[in-house]
Amino acid sequence: MSLPEQAREALACFTEARGWEQRARLLMQWGERLAPLDDAEKTESNRVHGCESLVWLVAVVDDGQWRFKATSDARLLRGLLALLLVRVQGLASAELAQLDLRGWFSELGLERQLSPSRSNGLHAVLQRMAQLASEA
């Protein structure tokens, strides 16, 4: 499975980063790239449960390809969500179901920074994506 262009860009940025402080700064910057959700999208039906922080996920499937928007009340999590979204944008349902989330964050050099609660939260987001894909 080839990487989308923005995912390749993220990989290049994070591969060049030296140490956690630089990666944390990058995470914050990537989080700022997320398209904002309006209040009408921050509904209970769009909320991802299983995260300690508040997380909302909006999904649209267009011609078999998934497009996602997401946000969180937690800054670091917004960065992690941004990195997840650049990896999954435009994937088909079957590709989405096969995504190795831990592998992606390992490639970015962020696996050690994923606390159990953050890791569980990201997996909850990915599970929600897979659930939406299976229902489509």
N, C-alpha and C. Protein backbone atom coordinates (compact mmCIF):
# COMPACT_ATOMS: atom_id res chain seq x y z
N MET A 1 0.86 -1.17 0.00
CA MET A 1 0.00 0.00 0.00
C MET A 1 0.90 1.24 0.00
N SER A 2 0.77 2.06 -1.01
CA SER A 2 1.62 3.25 -1.08
C SER A 2 1.07 4.35 -0.19
N LEU A 3 1.97 5.22 0.24
CA LEU A 3 1.58 6.30 1.15
C LEU A 3 1.04 7.50 0.37
N PRO A 4 -0.05 8.11 0.86
CA PRO A 4 -0.51 9.36 0.27
C PRO A 4 0.58 10.43 0.42
N GLU A 5 0.53 11.45 -0.43
CA GLU A 5 1.57 12.48 -0.45
C GLU A 5 1.77 13.14 0.92
N GLN A 6 0.67 13.52 1.58
CA GLN A 6 0.82 14.17 2.89
C GLN A 6 1.41 13.23 3.93
N ALA A 7 1.14 11.95 3.82
CA ALA A 7 1.72 10.97 4.75
C ALA A 7 3.22 10.87 4.51
N ARG A 8 3.64 10.92 3.24
CA ARG A 8 5.09 10.91 2.94
C ARG A 8 5.76 12.17 3.50
N GLU A 9 5.07 13.31 3.38
CA GLU A 9 5.58 14.57 3.93
C GLU A 9 5.75 14.46 5.46
N ALA A 10 4.74 13.91 6.12
CA ALA A 10 4.80 13.74 7.58
C ALA A 10 5.96 12.84 7.96
N LEU A 11 6.12 11.75 7.23
CA LEU A 11 7.19 10.80 7.51
C LEU A 11 8.55 11.48 7.37
N ALA A 12 8.71 12.28 6.33
CA ALA A 12 9.98 13.00 6.13
C ALA A 12 10.25 13.97 7.29
N CYS A 13 9.23 14.72 7.70
CA CYS A 13 9.38 15.68 8.80
C CYS A 13 9.77 14.98 10.10
N PHE A 14 9.07 13.93 10.43
CA PHE A 14 9.29 13.27 11.71
C PHE A 14 10.58 12.45 11.72
N THR A 15 10.99 11.95 10.54
CA THR A 15 12.23 11.21 10.45
C THR A 15 13.42 12.13 10.71
N GLU A 16 13.31 13.38 10.26
CA GLU A 16 14.40 14.35 10.44
C GLU A 16 14.43 14.93 11.85
N ALA A 17 13.33 14.83 12.59
CA ALA A 17 13.25 15.42 13.93
C ALA A 17 14.24 14.75 14.87
N ARG A 18 14.88 15.56 15.69
CA ARG A 18 15.84 15.04 16.67
C ARG A 18 15.22 15.11 18.06
N GLY A 19 14.90 13.98 18.60
CA GLY A 19 14.43 13.94 19.98
C GLY A 19 12.95 14.25 20.13
N TRP A 20 12.46 13.97 21.34
CA TRP A 20 11.04 14.10 21.62
C TRP A 20 10.57 15.55 21.57
N GLU A 21 11.38 16.51 22.06
CA GLU A 21 10.94 17.90 22.07
C GLU A 21 10.61 18.39 20.66
N GLN A 22 11.48 18.07 19.71
CA GLN A 22 11.23 18.48 18.33
C GLN A 22 9.99 17.77 17.76
N ARG A 23 9.84 16.50 18.08
CA ARG A 23 8.66 15.77 17.60
C ARG A 23 7.38 16.33 18.23
N ALA A 24 7.45 16.69 19.51
CA ALA A 24 6.27 17.26 20.19
C ALA A 24 5.88 18.57 19.52
N ARG A 25 6.85 19.39 19.18
CA ARG A 25 6.57 20.65 18.48
C ARG A 25 5.92 20.37 17.13
N LEU A 26 6.48 19.40 16.42
CA LEU A 26 5.91 19.01 15.12
C LEU A 26 4.47 18.52 15.28
N LEU A 27 4.24 17.72 16.33
CA LEU A 27 2.89 17.22 16.59
C LEU A 27 1.89 18.37 16.74
N MET A 28 2.29 19.38 17.51
CA MET A 28 1.41 20.54 17.72
C MET A 28 1.14 21.25 16.39
N GLN A 29 2.19 21.39 15.57
CA GLN A 29 2.03 22.05 14.27
C GLN A 29 1.10 21.25 13.36
N TRP A 30 1.27 19.94 13.34
CA TRP A 30 0.39 19.12 12.50
C TRP A 30 -1.05 19.19 12.99
N GLY A 31 -1.23 19.27 14.32
CA GLY A 31 -2.58 19.39 14.88
C GLY A 31 -3.27 20.66 14.44
N GLU A 32 -2.50 21.72 14.23
CA GLU A 32 -3.08 22.99 13.77
C GLU A 32 -3.56 22.91 12.33
N ARG A 33 -3.11 21.90 11.59
CA ARG A 33 -3.53 21.74 10.20
C ARG A 33 -4.92 21.12 10.05
N LEU A 34 -5.42 20.55 11.13
CA LEU A 34 -6.74 19.90 11.04
C LEU A 34 -7.80 20.91 10.63
N ALA A 35 -8.64 20.51 9.70
CA ALA A 35 -9.77 21.36 9.32
C ALA A 35 -10.70 21.46 10.53
N PRO A 36 -11.10 22.67 10.90
CA PRO A 36 -11.95 22.80 12.08
C PRO A 36 -13.33 22.16 11.85
N LEU A 37 -13.87 21.60 12.91
CA LEU A 37 -15.24 21.10 12.85
C LEU A 37 -16.15 22.21 13.36
N ASP A 38 -17.30 22.37 12.73
CA ASP A 38 -18.23 23.36 13.27
C ASP A 38 -19.06 22.70 14.37
N ASP A 39 -19.76 23.53 15.12
CA ASP A 39 -20.51 23.01 16.26
C ASP A 39 -21.53 21.95 15.86
N ALA A 40 -22.09 22.07 14.65
CA ALA A 40 -23.09 21.11 14.18
C ALA A 40 -22.46 19.72 13.97
N GLU A 41 -21.14 19.67 13.77
CA GLU A 41 -20.46 18.39 13.58
C GLU A 41 -20.01 17.78 14.91
N LYS A 42 -19.97 18.58 15.96
CA LYS A 42 -19.55 18.08 17.27
C LYS A 42 -20.76 17.52 18.02
N THR A 43 -21.32 16.48 17.42
CA THR A 43 -22.51 15.85 17.99
C THR A 43 -22.12 14.56 18.70
N GLU A 44 -23.02 14.06 19.49
CA GLU A 44 -22.78 12.80 20.20
C GLU A 44 -22.56 11.66 19.20
N SER A 45 -23.28 11.69 18.07
CA SER A 45 -23.13 10.60 17.09
C SER A 45 -21.76 10.63 16.40
N ASN A 46 -21.08 11.79 16.40
CA ASN A 46 -19.74 11.90 15.81
C ASN A 46 -18.63 11.74 16.86
N ARG A 47 -19.02 11.62 18.11
CA ARG A 47 -18.03 11.50 19.18
C ARG A 47 -17.47 10.08 19.20
N VAL A 48 -16.17 9.99 19.39
CA VAL A 48 -15.51 8.68 19.48
C VAL A 48 -15.38 8.33 20.95
N HIS A 49 -15.98 7.23 21.34
CA HIS A 49 -15.90 6.78 22.73
C HIS A 49 -14.72 5.85 22.88
N GLY A 50 -14.13 5.82 24.04
CA GLY A 50 -12.92 5.02 24.27
C GLY A 50 -11.69 5.89 24.37
N CYS A 51 -11.88 7.21 24.24
CA CYS A 51 -10.79 8.16 24.40
C CYS A 51 -10.99 8.89 25.72
N GLU A 52 -9.90 9.17 26.42
CA GLU A 52 -10.01 9.95 27.65
C GLU A 52 -10.39 11.39 27.32
N SER A 53 -9.84 11.90 26.22
CA SER A 53 -10.15 13.26 25.77
C SER A 53 -11.40 13.23 24.90
N LEU A 54 -11.95 14.39 24.67
CA LEU A 54 -13.08 14.48 23.74
C LEU A 54 -12.54 14.42 22.31
N VAL A 55 -13.09 13.51 21.51
CA VAL A 55 -12.68 13.36 20.11
C VAL A 55 -13.93 13.22 19.27
N TRP A 56 -13.96 13.96 18.15
CA TRP A 56 -15.05 13.85 17.19
C TRP A 56 -14.48 13.44 15.86
N LEU A 57 -15.21 12.60 15.14
CA LEU A 57 -14.80 12.11 13.83
C LEU A 57 -15.97 12.22 12.88
N VAL A 58 -15.73 12.87 11.74
CA VAL A 58 -16.74 13.01 10.70
C VAL A 58 -16.20 12.31 9.46
N ALA A 59 -17.03 11.48 8.84
CA ALA A 59 -16.57 10.69 7.70
C ALA A 59 -17.53 10.84 6.53
N VAL A 60 -16.94 10.88 5.33
CA VAL A 60 -17.71 10.91 4.09
C VAL A 60 -17.04 9.94 3.13
N VAL A 61 -17.83 9.10 2.50
CA VAL A 61 -17.27 8.22 1.48
C VAL A 61 -17.70 8.77 0.12
N ASP A 62 -16.73 8.94 -0.75
CA ASP A 62 -16.98 9.52 -2.07
C ASP A 62 -16.34 8.62 -3.11
N ASP A 63 -17.16 7.99 -3.93
CA ASP A 63 -16.67 7.11 -4.98
C ASP A 63 -15.74 6.03 -4.42
N GLY A 64 -16.14 5.47 -3.27
CA GLY A 64 -15.38 4.38 -2.67
C GLY A 64 -14.17 4.81 -1.86
N GLN A 65 -13.91 6.10 -1.79
CA GLN A 65 -12.76 6.60 -1.03
C GLN A 65 -13.23 7.39 0.18
N TRP A 66 -12.58 7.14 1.31
CA TRP A 66 -12.96 7.78 2.57
C TRP A 66 -12.25 9.10 2.77
N ARG A 67 -13.01 10.08 3.27
CA ARG A 67 -12.48 11.40 3.66
C ARG A 67 -12.93 11.63 5.10
N PHE A 68 -11.98 11.98 5.94
CA PHE A 68 -12.27 12.16 7.35
C PHE A 68 -11.89 13.56 7.82
N LYS A 69 -12.63 14.02 8.82
CA LYS A 69 -12.28 15.21 9.58
C LYS A 69 -12.37 14.81 11.04
N ALA A 70 -11.47 15.34 11.85
CA ALA A 70 -11.49 14.99 13.27
C ALA A 70 -10.89 16.13 14.07
N THR A 71 -11.25 16.16 15.33
CA THR A 71 -10.63 17.11 16.26
C THR A 71 -10.74 16.56 17.67
N SER A 72 -10.00 17.19 18.56
CA SER A 72 -10.00 16.81 19.96
C SER A 72 -9.79 18.05 20.81
N ASP A 73 -10.15 17.94 22.08
CA ASP A 73 -9.89 19.04 23.01
C ASP A 73 -8.45 19.01 23.51
N ALA A 74 -7.70 17.97 23.19
CA ALA A 74 -6.31 17.83 23.65
C ALA A 74 -5.33 18.12 22.51
N ARG A 75 -4.38 19.03 22.76
CA ARG A 75 -3.46 19.47 21.70
C ARG A 75 -2.63 18.34 21.11
N LEU A 76 -2.00 17.52 21.97
CA LEU A 76 -1.17 16.43 21.45
C LEU A 76 -2.01 15.44 20.66
N LEU A 77 -3.19 15.18 21.13
CA LEU A 77 -4.07 14.24 20.44
C LEU A 77 -4.49 14.80 19.07
N ARG A 78 -4.69 16.11 18.97
CA ARG A 78 -4.99 16.71 17.66
C ARG A 78 -3.86 16.44 16.69
N GLY A 79 -2.62 16.53 17.16
CA GLY A 79 -1.48 16.23 16.29
C GLY A 79 -1.47 14.77 15.85
N LEU A 80 -1.74 13.88 16.80
CA LEU A 80 -1.79 12.45 16.47
C LEU A 80 -2.93 12.16 15.50
N LEU A 81 -4.06 12.82 15.71
CA LEU A 81 -5.20 12.66 14.78
C LEU A 81 -4.83 13.14 13.38
N ALA A 82 -4.13 14.27 13.31
CA ALA A 82 -3.72 14.81 12.01
C ALA A 82 -2.83 13.79 11.28
N LEU A 83 -1.93 13.16 12.02
CA LEU A 83 -1.04 12.17 11.42
C LEU A 83 -1.79 10.91 11.01
N LEU A 84 -2.81 10.56 11.77
CA LEU A 84 -3.65 9.43 11.39
C LEU A 84 -4.44 9.77 10.12
N LEU A 85 -5.01 10.97 10.08
CA LEU A 85 -5.83 11.34 8.93
C LEU A 85 -5.03 11.41 7.64
N VAL A 86 -3.79 11.94 7.68
CA VAL A 86 -3.01 11.99 6.44
C VAL A 86 -2.70 10.59 5.93
N ARG A 87 -2.69 9.62 6.84
CA ARG A 87 -2.41 8.23 6.45
C ARG A 87 -3.65 7.54 5.85
N VAL A 88 -4.85 7.95 6.27
CA VAL A 88 -6.06 7.22 5.85
C VAL A 88 -6.89 7.94 4.78
N GLN A 89 -6.62 9.22 4.53
CA GLN A 89 -7.45 9.94 3.55
C GLN A 89 -7.41 9.23 2.19
N GLY A 90 -8.58 9.05 1.62
CA GLY A 90 -8.67 8.47 0.28
C GLY A 90 -8.57 6.97 0.21
N LEU A 91 -8.46 6.30 1.34
CA LEU A 91 -8.37 4.83 1.31
C LEU A 91 -9.76 4.24 1.06
N ALA A 92 -9.76 3.07 0.47
CA ALA A 92 -10.99 2.29 0.32
C ALA A 92 -11.24 1.56 1.64
N SER A 93 -12.45 1.08 1.83
CA SER A 93 -12.81 0.39 3.07
C SER A 93 -11.88 -0.77 3.40
N ALA A 94 -11.54 -1.58 2.40
CA ALA A 94 -10.68 -2.74 2.64
C ALA A 94 -9.29 -2.30 3.09
N GLU A 95 -8.74 -1.24 2.48
CA GLU A 95 -7.42 -0.74 2.87
C GLU A 95 -7.46 -0.18 4.30
N LEU A 96 -8.55 0.49 4.62
CA LEU A 96 -8.72 1.07 5.95
C LEU A 96 -8.70 -0.04 7.01
N ALA A 97 -9.36 -1.14 6.70
CA ALA A 97 -9.45 -2.26 7.64
C ALA A 97 -8.09 -2.91 7.87
N GLN A 98 -7.18 -2.79 6.91
CA GLN A 98 -5.86 -3.44 7.01
C GLN A 98 -4.77 -2.54 7.56
N LEU A 99 -5.08 -1.28 7.86
CA LEU A 99 -4.06 -0.34 8.29
C LEU A 99 -3.40 -0.78 9.60
N ASP A 100 -2.08 -0.76 9.61
CA ASP A 100 -1.31 -1.08 10.81
C ASP A 100 -0.98 0.23 11.52
N LEU A 101 -1.84 0.60 12.46
CA LEU A 101 -1.70 1.88 13.17
C LEU A 101 -0.39 1.96 13.95
N ARG A 102 -0.06 0.91 14.68
CA ARG A 102 1.18 0.91 15.46
C ARG A 102 2.39 1.03 14.52
N GLY A 103 2.34 0.34 13.40
CA GLY A 103 3.43 0.41 12.42
C GLY A 103 3.62 1.81 11.89
N TRP A 104 2.51 2.51 11.60
CA TRP A 104 2.58 3.87 11.09
C TRP A 104 3.23 4.80 12.12
N PHE A 105 2.80 4.73 13.38
CA PHE A 105 3.38 5.60 14.39
C PHE A 105 4.82 5.19 14.73
N SER A 106 5.17 3.93 14.53
CA SER A 106 6.56 3.50 14.69
C SER A 106 7.43 4.12 13.61
N GLU A 107 6.93 4.11 12.36
CA GLU A 107 7.68 4.73 11.26
C GLU A 107 7.93 6.21 11.55
N LEU A 108 6.96 6.87 12.19
CA LEU A 108 7.09 8.29 12.51
C LEU A 108 7.99 8.52 13.73
N GLY A 109 8.37 7.45 14.41
CA GLY A 109 9.20 7.58 15.60
C GLY A 109 8.42 8.02 16.83
N LEU A 110 7.12 7.77 16.82
CA LEU A 110 6.27 8.24 17.91
C LEU A 110 5.72 7.13 18.79
N GLU A 111 6.06 5.87 18.50
CA GLU A 111 5.44 4.77 19.24
C GLU A 111 5.76 4.82 20.73
N ARG A 112 6.95 5.30 21.10
CA ARG A 112 7.30 5.35 22.53
C ARG A 112 6.52 6.45 23.25
N GLN A 113 6.07 7.44 22.51
CA GLN A 113 5.33 8.55 23.12
C GLN A 113 3.84 8.25 23.24
N LEU A 114 3.41 7.14 22.69
CA LEU A 114 1.99 6.79 22.77
C LEU A 114 1.74 6.11 24.12
N SER A 115 1.27 6.88 25.07
CA SER A 115 0.91 6.29 26.36
C SER A 115 -0.22 5.29 26.10
N PRO A 116 -0.45 4.37 27.03
CA PRO A 116 -1.54 3.41 26.82
C PRO A 116 -2.88 4.10 26.55
N SER A 117 -3.16 5.20 27.25
CA SER A 117 -4.46 5.87 27.03
C SER A 117 -4.52 6.52 25.64
N ARG A 118 -3.40 7.14 25.19
CA ARG A 118 -3.40 7.73 23.85
C ARG A 118 -3.49 6.65 22.78
N SER A 119 -2.75 5.57 22.99
CA SER A 119 -2.79 4.46 22.05
C SER A 119 -4.20 3.88 21.96
N ASN A 120 -4.85 3.70 23.12
CA ASN A 120 -6.22 3.20 23.13
C ASN A 120 -7.16 4.17 22.43
N GLY A 121 -6.95 5.46 22.65
CA GLY A 121 -7.79 6.47 22.01
C GLY A 121 -7.66 6.43 20.50
N LEU A 122 -6.41 6.33 20.01
CA LEU A 122 -6.20 6.27 18.55
C LEU A 122 -6.80 5.00 17.97
N HIS A 123 -6.67 3.90 18.71
CA HIS A 123 -7.29 2.65 18.24
C HIS A 123 -8.81 2.78 18.21
N ALA A 124 -9.38 3.50 19.17
CA ALA A 124 -10.83 3.73 19.17
C ALA A 124 -11.24 4.53 17.93
N VAL A 125 -10.42 5.51 17.55
CA VAL A 125 -10.70 6.30 16.34
C VAL A 125 -10.63 5.40 15.10
N LEU A 126 -9.57 4.59 15.02
CA LEU A 126 -9.41 3.68 13.87
C LEU A 126 -10.55 2.66 13.83
N GLN A 127 -10.96 2.15 14.99
CA GLN A 127 -12.09 1.22 15.03
C GLN A 127 -13.37 1.88 14.55
N ARG A 128 -13.57 3.14 14.94
CA ARG A 128 -14.75 3.88 14.49
C ARG A 128 -14.71 4.06 12.98
N MET A 129 -13.53 4.34 12.42
CA MET A 129 -13.39 4.46 10.97
C MET A 129 -13.76 3.14 10.29
N ALA A 130 -13.23 2.05 10.82
CA ALA A 130 -13.52 0.72 10.26
C ALA A 130 -15.01 0.39 10.37
N GLN A 131 -15.63 0.77 11.50
CA GLN A 131 -17.06 0.54 11.68
C GLN A 131 -17.87 1.32 10.64
N LEU A 132 -17.52 2.59 10.43
CA LEU A 132 -18.21 3.40 9.43
C LEU A 132 -18.03 2.78 8.04
N ALA A 133 -16.82 2.31 7.76
CA ALA A 133 -16.55 1.71 6.46
C ALA A 133 -17.35 0.44 6.25
N SER A 134 -17.50 -0.37 7.30
CA SER A 134 -18.26 -1.61 7.16
C SER A 134 -19.74 -1.38 7.02
N GLU A 135 -20.22 -0.24 7.55
CA GLU A 135 -21.65 0.08 7.46
C GLU A 135 -22.01 0.73 6.12
N ALA A 136 -21.01 1.22 5.42
CA ALA A 136 -21.28 1.96 4.16
C ALA A 136 -21.68 1.03 3.03
